[in-house]
Amino acid sequence: MDMTAVVCAVLLMGVLGIVLGGVIAVFVKMFHVKSDPRVDLALELLPGANCGGCGKAGCADFAKALAAGEVTPANCPVSSSEQISAISLALGIDAGEVERMQAVVCCRSDIGEVRKMYYNGVQDCQAANMVAGGPDECRYGCLGLGTCARKCPFGAIEIIGQVAVVHRELCVGCGKCAAVCPRGVIKMVPADANYHVFCNSPEKGANKRHFCKAGCIGCRKCEKLFGSDFTVSGFLSQVKYHPGSCLDAVSAAKINCPVGCLRSVEERLAGAYAKAKGKKYEKHE
């Protein structure tokens, strides 16, 4: 090979590289967007969970919103009080105050022994719900195929006895589980609310009893005793979550729900574990 041709080729490639590098440098300078150091600082102080519980696409998007004054540090459901204070101090903004929310699965079909139908499809709640309504006779209860548990970035959901149960000490209230539940069984409730009605079916009590022994029968006993804390829609009683609610263990004992729908998160979890082990949860079942 002619050495002159080789040298010319090398020189040509070198010149072409220099020219292209210069063009890129010009474009970078023309379209350069200055980064806000406050965004980088906020991103460094955030937990980095990227859960979307703040309503933003992720922590980077949330950091931009913080710097722009669109949100407050308290809007991040994962940040601890110490992290919120640190972000507030670092950015020189108000920490803000947002009511903490947590997820609760309003269903006890494991206790109610809901009749199952043959289902041999994809083990996904959304897919199963589209195929003949899934494996349960109840069209409002938890399908128990674990879509919510797989979606939860914090491992706060466990499937016990084919029903999802939330571990409140792990739940940060990001809402991802509620978003993927095809039946709306998972509700986002105030984190300090401990008592819930664990049923999601508005059907008549008599109809419910045919396939579930643990469904709310709509007796309205709870509403009659504590009307400000409950609302009844169809044949389903639901807790009104509002500031100053007096719904606690004493109130629950006075109501003494005849089917055991009204209970605390701890009682629900204990009942699920007891049922899974083939035992009877003495306090209510």
Protein backbone atom coordinates (compact mmCIF):
# COMPACT_ATOMS: atom_id res chain seq x y z
CA MET A 1 0.00 0.00 0.00
CA ASP A 2 1.22 3.48 -0.88
CA MET A 3 2.42 5.20 2.32
CA THR A 4 1.31 8.56 0.94
CA ALA A 5 -2.28 7.32 0.77
CA VAL A 6 -2.07 6.06 4.36
CA VAL A 7 -0.73 9.37 5.64
CA CYS A 8 -3.40 11.30 3.73
CA ALA A 9 -6.13 9.08 5.19
CA VAL A 10 -4.82 9.57 8.74
CA LEU A 11 -4.58 13.33 8.27
CA LEU A 12 -8.08 13.44 6.78
CA MET A 13 -9.54 11.52 9.71
CA GLY A 14 -7.70 13.78 12.14
CA VAL A 15 -8.95 16.96 10.49
CA LEU A 16 -12.48 15.53 10.30
CA GLY A 17 -12.34 14.69 14.01
CA ILE A 18 -11.21 18.21 14.90
CA VAL A 19 -13.95 19.80 12.77
CA LEU A 20 -16.71 17.56 14.22
CA GLY A 21 -15.42 18.16 17.74
CA GLY A 22 -15.57 21.89 17.14
CA VAL A 23 -19.14 21.66 15.80
CA ILE A 24 -20.23 19.65 18.85
CA ALA A 25 -18.56 22.15 21.18
CA VAL A 26 -20.40 25.03 19.50
CA PHE A 27 -23.75 23.24 19.82
CA VAL A 28 -23.09 22.37 23.47
CA LYS A 29 -22.31 26.02 24.21
CA MET A 30 -25.37 27.23 22.31
CA PHE A 31 -27.86 24.87 23.91
CA HIS A 32 -26.29 24.53 27.34
CA VAL A 33 -28.79 24.80 30.18
CA LYS A 34 -27.36 25.87 33.50
CA SER A 35 -28.18 23.39 36.23
CA ASP A 36 -29.63 24.68 39.47
CA PRO A 37 -27.32 23.68 42.33
CA ARG A 38 -30.40 23.58 44.58
CA VAL A 39 -31.79 20.73 42.47
CA ASP A 40 -28.58 18.73 42.86
CA LEU A 41 -28.55 19.43 46.60
CA ALA A 42 -32.16 18.35 47.03
CA LEU A 43 -31.58 15.21 44.99
CA GLU A 44 -28.63 14.33 47.17
CA LEU A 45 -30.73 14.66 50.35
CA LEU A 46 -33.77 12.76 49.05
CA PRO A 47 -34.08 9.00 49.80
CA GLY A 48 -33.79 8.04 46.13
CA ALA A 49 -36.69 5.57 46.23
CA ASN A 50 -38.22 6.90 42.98
CA CYS A 51 -41.58 5.55 44.17
CA GLY A 52 -43.74 8.29 42.66
CA GLY A 53 -45.68 8.72 45.89
CA CYS A 54 -45.09 12.48 45.72
CA GLY A 55 -46.99 12.66 42.44
CA LYS A 56 -43.84 13.27 40.39
CA ALA A 57 -42.05 10.98 37.94
CA GLY A 58 -39.25 10.30 40.40
CA CYS A 59 -36.82 11.88 42.84
CA ALA A 60 -35.10 13.97 40.13
CA ASP A 61 -38.43 15.42 39.04
CA PHE A 62 -39.39 16.03 42.66
CA ALA A 63 -36.06 17.80 43.32
CA LYS A 64 -36.78 20.17 40.40
CA ALA A 65 -40.25 20.85 41.80
CA LEU A 66 -38.73 21.58 45.22
CA ALA A 67 -36.31 24.10 43.76
CA ALA A 68 -39.15 25.71 41.81
CA GLY A 69 -41.28 26.02 44.95
CA GLU A 70 -44.05 23.80 43.52
CA VAL A 71 -43.93 21.30 46.40
CA THR A 72 -42.59 21.10 49.94
CA PRO A 73 -40.21 18.48 51.40
CA ALA A 74 -43.13 16.98 53.33
CA ASN A 75 -44.68 15.90 50.02
CA CYS A 76 -42.14 13.07 49.87
CA PRO A 77 -43.80 10.11 51.65
CA VAL A 78 -40.52 8.24 52.07
CA SER A 79 -38.47 10.98 53.73
CA SER A 80 -38.14 10.82 57.49
CA SER A 81 -38.75 13.91 59.62
CA GLU A 82 -34.97 14.35 59.85
CA GLN A 83 -34.60 14.26 56.07
CA ILE A 84 -37.47 16.71 55.61
CA SER A 85 -35.84 19.11 58.07
CA ALA A 86 -32.46 18.75 56.36
CA ILE A 87 -33.93 19.49 52.91
CA SER A 88 -35.89 22.44 54.27
CA LEU A 89 -32.80 23.90 55.94
CA ALA A 90 -30.55 23.30 52.93
CA LEU A 91 -32.94 24.92 50.44
CA GLY A 92 -34.19 27.59 52.81
CA ILE A 93 -37.82 26.68 52.31
CA ASP A 94 -40.75 25.74 54.53
CA ALA A 95 -40.84 22.02 55.36
CA GLY A 96 -44.59 21.94 54.80
CA GLU A 97 -47.12 19.61 56.34
CA VAL A 98 -48.87 16.79 54.51
CA GLU A 99 -51.15 14.14 55.98
CA ARG A 100 -49.36 10.81 55.83
CA MET A 101 -51.28 8.06 54.06
CA GLN A 102 -51.00 4.29 54.14
CA ALA A 103 -52.56 1.46 52.19
CA VAL A 104 -55.12 -0.95 53.61
CA VAL A 105 -56.61 -3.98 51.83
CA CYS A 106 -60.33 -3.91 52.62
CA CYS A 107 -60.99 -7.63 52.34
CA ARG A 108 -61.04 -10.72 54.56
CA SER A 109 -61.98 -13.37 52.00
CA ASP A 110 -59.49 -15.74 53.66
CA ILE A 111 -61.57 -15.61 56.85
CA GLY A 112 -64.83 -15.64 54.90
CA GLU A 113 -63.74 -18.75 53.00
CA VAL A 114 -64.88 -17.30 49.69
CA ARG A 115 -65.69 -20.04 47.20
CA LYS A 116 -63.07 -20.38 44.49
CA MET A 117 -63.61 -21.04 40.81
CA TYR A 118 -61.16 -22.84 38.53
CA TYR A 119 -58.61 -20.40 37.15
CA ASN A 120 -55.52 -21.45 35.25
CA GLY A 121 -54.49 -18.16 33.68
CA VAL A 122 -51.78 -15.57 34.17
CA GLN A 123 -50.98 -15.01 37.83
CA ASP A 124 -51.73 -11.32 37.67
CA CYS A 125 -54.74 -9.57 39.25
CA GLN A 126 -55.43 -7.26 36.33
CA ALA A 127 -55.27 -10.07 33.79
CA ALA A 128 -57.37 -12.41 35.95
CA ASN A 129 -60.01 -9.76 36.55
CA MET A 130 -60.51 -9.47 32.79
CA VAL A 131 -60.92 -13.24 32.41
CA ALA A 132 -64.33 -14.15 33.85
CA GLY A 133 -63.65 -11.97 36.89
CA GLY A 134 -60.82 -14.08 38.27
CA PRO A 135 -60.77 -17.07 40.64
CA ASP A 136 -63.24 -15.81 43.31
CA GLU A 137 -67.02 -15.78 43.40
CA CYS A 138 -66.88 -12.38 45.09
CA ARG A 139 -66.47 -9.72 42.40
CA TYR A 140 -65.30 -7.07 44.87
CA GLY A 141 -62.70 -8.89 46.98
CA CYS A 142 -58.95 -9.32 46.78
CA LEU A 143 -57.86 -11.65 43.99
CA GLY A 144 -54.72 -12.58 45.91
CA LEU A 145 -52.45 -13.05 42.90
CA GLY A 146 -49.85 -10.64 44.26
CA THR A 147 -49.76 -7.88 41.63
CA CYS A 148 -49.78 -5.26 44.40
CA ALA A 149 -47.04 -7.06 46.34
CA ARG A 150 -44.81 -7.16 43.26
CA LYS A 151 -45.47 -3.48 42.57
CA CYS A 152 -44.67 -2.31 46.13
CA PRO A 153 -41.07 -1.00 46.16
CA PHE A 154 -40.82 -1.40 49.96
CA GLY A 155 -41.99 -4.99 50.45
CA ALA A 156 -44.90 -3.82 52.59
CA ILE A 157 -47.47 -6.25 51.17
CA GLU A 158 -47.68 -9.96 51.93
CA ILE A 159 -50.08 -12.50 50.45
CA ILE A 160 -51.54 -14.57 53.29
CA GLY A 161 -54.21 -17.14 52.55
CA GLN A 162 -54.68 -15.78 49.00
CA VAL A 163 -55.38 -12.27 50.30
CA ALA A 164 -53.03 -9.27 50.36
CA VAL A 165 -52.20 -7.81 53.77
CA VAL A 166 -50.28 -4.56 54.35
CA HIS A 167 -47.55 -4.30 56.97
CA ARG A 168 -48.04 -0.73 58.12
CA GLU A 169 -44.55 -0.39 59.58
CA LEU A 170 -43.16 -0.79 56.04
CA CYS A 171 -45.81 1.12 54.08
CA VAL A 172 -44.85 4.68 53.14
CA GLY A 173 -48.08 5.52 51.33
CA CYS A 174 -46.72 5.79 47.79
CA GLY A 175 -50.04 4.46 46.44
CA LYS A 176 -48.54 2.18 43.77
CA CYS A 177 -50.44 -0.83 45.11
CA ALA A 178 -53.79 0.99 45.01
CA ALA A 179 -53.11 2.13 41.45
CA VAL A 180 -52.68 -1.43 40.14
CA CYS A 181 -55.55 -3.05 42.08
CA PRO A 182 -58.25 -3.74 39.43
CA ARG A 183 -61.06 -3.95 41.99
CA GLY A 184 -60.25 -0.94 44.15
CA VAL A 185 -59.85 -3.17 47.21
CA ILE A 186 -56.77 -1.25 48.35
CA LYS A 187 -57.61 2.11 49.90
CA MET A 188 -55.24 4.92 50.82
CA VAL A 189 -56.14 6.03 54.34
CA PRO A 190 -54.60 8.35 56.96
CA ALA A 191 -51.57 6.67 58.53
CA ASP A 192 -52.89 7.30 62.06
CA ALA A 193 -56.22 5.53 61.35
CA ASN A 194 -56.04 2.07 62.89
CA TYR A 195 -59.60 0.76 62.52
CA HIS A 196 -61.13 -0.12 59.16
CA VAL A 197 -64.05 -2.01 57.65
CA PHE A 198 -62.41 -4.98 55.96
CA CYS A 199 -64.94 -5.51 53.19
CA ASN A 200 -65.37 -3.97 49.75
CA SER A 201 -68.65 -5.44 48.51
CA PRO A 202 -71.82 -3.30 48.34
CA GLU A 203 -74.04 -6.32 47.62
CA LYS A 204 -76.92 -7.28 49.90
CA GLY A 205 -75.87 -9.05 53.07
CA ALA A 206 -77.89 -12.16 52.24
CA ASN A 207 -76.26 -12.43 48.82
CA LYS A 208 -72.80 -11.98 50.30
CA ARG A 209 -73.34 -14.70 52.88
CA HIS A 210 -73.81 -17.25 50.09
CA PHE A 211 -70.14 -17.04 49.17
CA CYS A 212 -68.43 -15.11 52.00
CA LYS A 213 -68.92 -15.44 55.75
CA ALA A 214 -66.90 -12.32 56.55
CA GLY A 215 -68.59 -9.70 54.36
CA CYS A 216 -70.31 -6.59 55.74
CA ILE A 217 -74.07 -7.25 55.96
CA GLY A 218 -75.02 -3.57 56.11
CA CYS A 219 -76.70 -3.83 59.52
CA ARG A 220 -75.82 -0.16 60.17
CA LYS A 221 -74.99 -0.87 63.81
CA CYS A 222 -71.77 1.12 63.50
CA GLU A 223 -73.54 4.06 61.87
CA LYS A 224 -76.26 4.11 64.53
CA LEU A 225 -73.72 4.25 67.37
CA PHE A 226 -71.06 6.46 65.75
CA GLY A 227 -72.73 8.13 62.79
CA SER A 228 -70.04 10.77 62.29
CA ASP A 229 -67.38 8.08 61.81
CA PHE A 230 -69.22 5.87 59.31
CA THR A 231 -71.12 6.03 56.06
CA VAL A 232 -73.18 3.25 54.49
CA SER A 233 -73.26 2.90 50.73
CA GLY A 234 -75.58 0.17 49.50
CA PHE A 235 -74.98 -2.63 51.98
CA LEU A 236 -71.42 -1.68 52.76
CA SER A 237 -70.34 0.34 55.76
CA GLN A 238 -67.20 2.42 55.39
CA VAL A 239 -65.13 4.44 57.82
CA LYS A 240 -65.15 8.23 57.44
CA TYR A 241 -61.56 9.28 57.93
CA HIS A 242 -61.62 12.77 59.37
CA PRO A 243 -59.70 14.80 61.98
CA GLY A 244 -60.93 14.23 65.49
CA SER A 245 -62.37 10.78 64.82
CA CYS A 246 -62.88 8.84 68.05
CA LEU A 247 -62.82 5.45 66.36
CA ASP A 248 -60.60 3.34 68.59
CA ALA A 249 -60.61 0.03 70.47
CA VAL A 250 -63.30 1.26 72.89
CA SER A 251 -65.58 2.34 70.04
CA ALA A 252 -64.99 -0.92 68.18
CA ALA A 253 -65.87 -2.90 71.31
CA LYS A 254 -69.14 -0.97 71.71
CA ILE A 255 -70.06 -1.61 68.10
CA ASN A 256 -69.06 -5.28 68.32
CA CYS A 257 -69.51 -5.85 64.57
CA PRO A 258 -71.57 -9.07 64.21
CA VAL A 259 -69.44 -10.35 61.33
CA GLY A 260 -66.11 -8.96 62.54
CA CYS A 261 -65.58 -6.57 59.62
CA LEU A 262 -64.56 -3.64 61.82
CA ARG A 263 -61.17 -4.27 63.33
CA SER A 264 -57.71 -2.85 63.77
CA VAL A 265 -54.82 -3.44 61.38
CA GLU A 266 -53.08 -5.56 64.01
CA GLU A 267 -56.16 -7.71 64.55
CA ARG A 268 -56.56 -8.20 60.81
CA LEU A 269 -52.94 -9.30 60.46
CA ALA A 270 -53.15 -11.64 63.46
CA GLY A 271 -56.36 -13.15 62.10
CA ALA A 272 -54.78 -13.74 58.70
CA TYR A 273 -51.77 -15.51 60.21
CA ALA A 274 -53.98 -17.61 62.51
CA LYS A 275 -56.23 -18.66 59.63
CA ALA A 276 -53.24 -19.54 57.47
CA LYS A 277 -52.03 -21.84 60.24
CA GLY A 278 -55.45 -23.45 60.54
CA LYS A 279 -56.14 -21.89 63.93
CA LYS A 280 -58.91 -19.71 65.28
CA TYR A 281 -58.18 -16.10 66.18
CA GLU A 282 -59.81 -16.03 69.57
CA LYS A 283 -60.61 -12.32 69.86
CA HIS A 284 -63.02 -12.14 66.95
CA GLU A 285 -63.31 -15.33 64.93
